[in-house]
């Protein structure tokens, strides 16, 4: 991967076979010219890739923080979200 390319690694569990390239195509057409970067989307099985599991965990904690504020136990994992 060179510096002119931005690589996104996503969980492939919820991706339809026909839409595997649609996000990459959209990012390249909508943002590629603006930022002068090429976007590459790579799909990984989260059962086999721990970094995808960790990103999913952090994303869900952040999502929960903004949508379900009654249970704050998980927010202690992220220092900037402590209340």
Protein backbone atom coordinates (compact mmCIF):
# COMPACT_ATOMS: atom_id res chain seq x y z
CA UNK A 1 0.00 0.00 0.00
CA UNK A 2 1.45 3.37 -0.95
CA UNK A 3 0.83 6.76 0.65
CA UNK A 4 -1.64 7.69 -2.07
CA UNK A 5 -3.96 4.84 -1.05
CA UNK A 6 -6.28 4.56 1.93
CA UNK A 7 -7.14 0.99 2.86
CA UNK A 8 -10.29 0.21 4.84
CA UNK A 9 -10.57 -3.26 6.38
CA UNK A 10 -14.18 -4.23 7.07
CA UNK A 11 -16.01 -7.23 8.46
CA UNK A 12 -17.49 -9.29 5.63
CA UNK A 13 -20.35 -10.84 7.62
CA UNK A 14 -23.01 -8.39 6.48
CA UNK A 15 -21.94 -7.82 2.88
CA UNK A 16 -23.95 -9.11 -0.05
CA UNK A 17 -21.88 -10.78 -2.77
CA UNK A 18 -23.09 -8.33 -5.42
CA UNK A 19 -22.13 -5.27 -3.39
CA UNK A 20 -18.53 -6.13 -2.51
CA UNK A 21 -17.08 -3.45 -4.78
CA UNK A 22 -19.81 -0.82 -4.46
CA UNK A 23 -18.36 0.91 -1.37
CA UNK A 24 -14.89 1.06 -2.92
CA UNK A 25 -16.33 2.39 -6.17
CA UNK A 26 -18.38 4.99 -4.32
CA UNK A 27 -15.44 6.19 -2.19
CA UNK A 28 -13.19 6.48 -5.22
CA UNK A 29 -15.76 8.39 -7.25
CA UNK A 30 -17.02 10.64 -4.44
CA UNK A 31 -13.84 11.28 -2.46
CA UNK A 32 -10.92 10.11 -4.57
CA UNK A 33 -10.62 13.27 -6.63
CA UNK A 34 -11.27 15.59 -3.70
CA UNK A 35 -8.50 14.11 -1.53
CA UNK A 36 -6.28 12.88 -4.37
CA UNK A 37 -6.27 9.40 -2.82
CA UNK A 38 -7.30 5.98 -3.97
CA UNK A 39 -9.55 4.03 -1.63
CA UNK A 40 -9.20 0.27 -1.30
CA UNK A 41 -11.82 -1.68 0.64
CA UNK A 42 -10.78 -5.11 1.93
CA UNK A 43 -13.25 -7.48 3.55
CA UNK A 44 -12.08 -9.90 6.25
CA UNK A 45 -13.80 -12.58 8.28
CA UNK A 46 -13.88 -11.28 11.85
CA UNK A 47 -13.68 -14.85 13.19
CA UNK A 48 -10.18 -15.06 11.76
CA UNK A 49 -8.94 -11.47 12.26
CA UNK A 50 -8.67 -10.10 15.80
CA UNK A 51 -8.11 -6.52 14.63
CA UNK A 52 -11.55 -6.56 12.98
CA UNK A 53 -13.08 -7.88 16.21
CA UNK A 54 -11.41 -5.10 18.22
CA UNK A 55 -12.56 -2.40 15.81
CA UNK A 56 -16.10 -3.79 16.00
CA UNK A 57 -15.97 -3.74 19.81
CA UNK A 58 -14.79 -0.13 19.95
CA UNK A 59 -17.36 0.95 17.35
CA UNK A 60 -20.16 -0.71 19.32
CA UNK A 61 -19.04 0.94 22.58
CA UNK A 62 -19.05 4.34 20.89
CA UNK A 63 -22.43 3.64 19.25
CA UNK A 64 -23.87 2.56 22.59
CA UNK A 65 -22.52 5.66 24.30
CA UNK A 66 -24.51 7.92 22.02
CA UNK A 67 -27.62 5.74 21.76
CA UNK A 68 -28.01 3.92 25.10
CA UNK A 69 -26.59 6.06 27.88
CA UNK A 70 -28.32 4.26 30.75
CA UNK A 71 -25.64 1.53 31.05
CA UNK A 72 -22.25 3.21 31.34
CA UNK A 73 -20.14 0.21 32.36
CA UNK A 74 -18.50 -0.31 28.95
CA UNK A 75 -17.49 3.36 28.59
CA UNK A 76 -14.76 2.95 31.19
CA UNK A 77 -12.81 1.13 28.44
CA UNK A 78 -12.31 4.41 26.61
CA UNK A 79 -10.79 7.10 28.91
CA UNK A 80 -12.22 10.09 27.01
CA UNK A 81 -15.76 8.74 27.53
CA UNK A 82 -15.67 8.44 31.33
CA UNK A 83 -18.49 10.37 32.96
